[in-house]
Protein backbone atom coordinates (compact mmCIF):
# COMPACT_ATOMS: atom_id res chain seq x y z
CA MET A 1 0.00 0.00 0.00
CA THR A 2 2.87 2.40 0.67
CA PRO A 3 4.25 2.33 -2.92
CA LEU A 4 0.83 3.38 -4.20
CA ALA A 5 0.80 6.34 -1.79
CA VAL A 6 4.26 7.43 -2.97
CA GLU A 7 3.25 7.15 -6.61
CA LEU A 8 0.06 9.09 -5.97
CA ALA A 9 2.00 11.85 -4.18
CA SER A 10 4.47 12.01 -7.08
CA LEU A 11 1.62 12.15 -9.56
CA LEU A 12 -0.06 14.98 -7.68
CA GLN A 13 3.25 16.87 -7.57
CA VAL A 14 3.65 16.53 -11.33
CA VAL A 15 0.10 17.77 -11.89
CA ALA A 16 0.61 20.77 -9.61
CA VAL A 17 3.96 21.74 -11.15
CA SER A 18 2.57 21.35 -14.67
CA LEU A 19 -0.41 23.53 -13.84
CA VAL A 20 1.73 26.28 -12.33
CA ALA A 21 4.25 26.14 -15.18
CA GLY A 22 1.54 26.21 -17.83
CA ILE A 23 -0.20 29.21 -16.32
CA GLY A 24 3.11 30.98 -15.65
CA ILE A 25 4.48 30.54 -19.17
CA THR A 26 1.16 31.62 -20.66
CA ALA A 27 1.12 34.73 -18.47
CA VAL A 28 4.70 35.65 -19.40
CA PHE A 29 3.94 35.29 -23.11
CA SER A 30 0.81 37.43 -22.67
CA VAL A 31 2.87 40.16 -21.00
CA ALA A 32 5.36 39.99 -23.87
CA LEU A 33 2.60 40.46 -26.44
CA MET A 34 1.04 43.27 -24.42
CA GLY A 35 4.40 45.07 -24.19
CA ILE A 36 5.05 44.77 -27.91
CA ILE A 37 1.55 45.88 -28.89
CA ARG A 38 1.51 48.83 -26.47
CA SER A 39 4.95 49.86 -27.68
CA ARG A 40 3.66 50.03 -31.26
CA GLU A 41 0.62 52.01 -30.13
CA SER A 42 2.87 54.44 -28.25
CA ARG A 43 5.02 54.85 -31.35
CA ARG A 44 1.94 55.70 -33.37
CA ASP A 45 0.87 58.24 -30.73
CA LYS A 46 4.42 59.68 -30.61
CA ARG A 47 4.93 58.96 -26.90
CA SER A 48 8.60 57.99 -26.81
CA GLY A 49 8.85 57.42 -23.04
CA ALA A 50 5.93 55.03 -22.98
CA ARG A 51 7.20 53.42 -26.15
CA PHE A 52 10.54 52.64 -24.53
CA GLY A 53 8.94 51.32 -21.34
CA TRP A 54 6.46 49.05 -23.08
CA GLY A 55 9.13 47.90 -25.52
CA ALA A 56 11.52 47.03 -22.69
CA LEU A 57 8.77 45.12 -20.90
CA GLY A 58 7.96 43.20 -24.08
CA VAL A 59 11.58 42.31 -24.76
CA LEU A 60 12.25 41.21 -21.18
CA ALA A 61 9.12 39.10 -21.05
CA MET A 62 9.98 37.49 -24.39
CA LEU A 63 13.48 36.68 -23.12
CA LEU A 64 11.98 35.12 -19.99
CA PHE A 65 9.53 33.13 -22.11
CA THR A 66 12.31 31.90 -24.38
CA ALA A 67 14.44 30.89 -21.38
CA ALA A 68 11.51 28.94 -19.92
CA VAL A 69 10.90 27.11 -23.18
CA VAL A 70 14.59 26.27 -23.59
CA GLN A 71 14.77 25.03 -19.98
CA GLY A 72 11.70 22.86 -20.56
CA LEU A 73 13.20 21.35 -23.71
CA ARG A 74 16.46 20.68 -21.88
CA MET A 75 14.55 18.90 -19.11
CA ILE A 76 12.69 16.78 -21.64
CA ALA A 77 15.91 15.87 -23.47
CA SER A 78 17.72 14.77 -20.31
């Protein structure tokens, strides 16, 4: 009976981590898109300060998203 409890605990851990990672990566990608889109809107409205801020947010979020995807692929490959 104990091995089943350990396997169930491991399974629940995998489900929880997958859920958190899935929501987190989706949120980071959404922030990246928002930053890029708002940066383009600020460019159109000729607001250079806002353009830089939104652009920086978009680039940083995209770098974080890319790092998360690469880390996930590395974990799968190992």
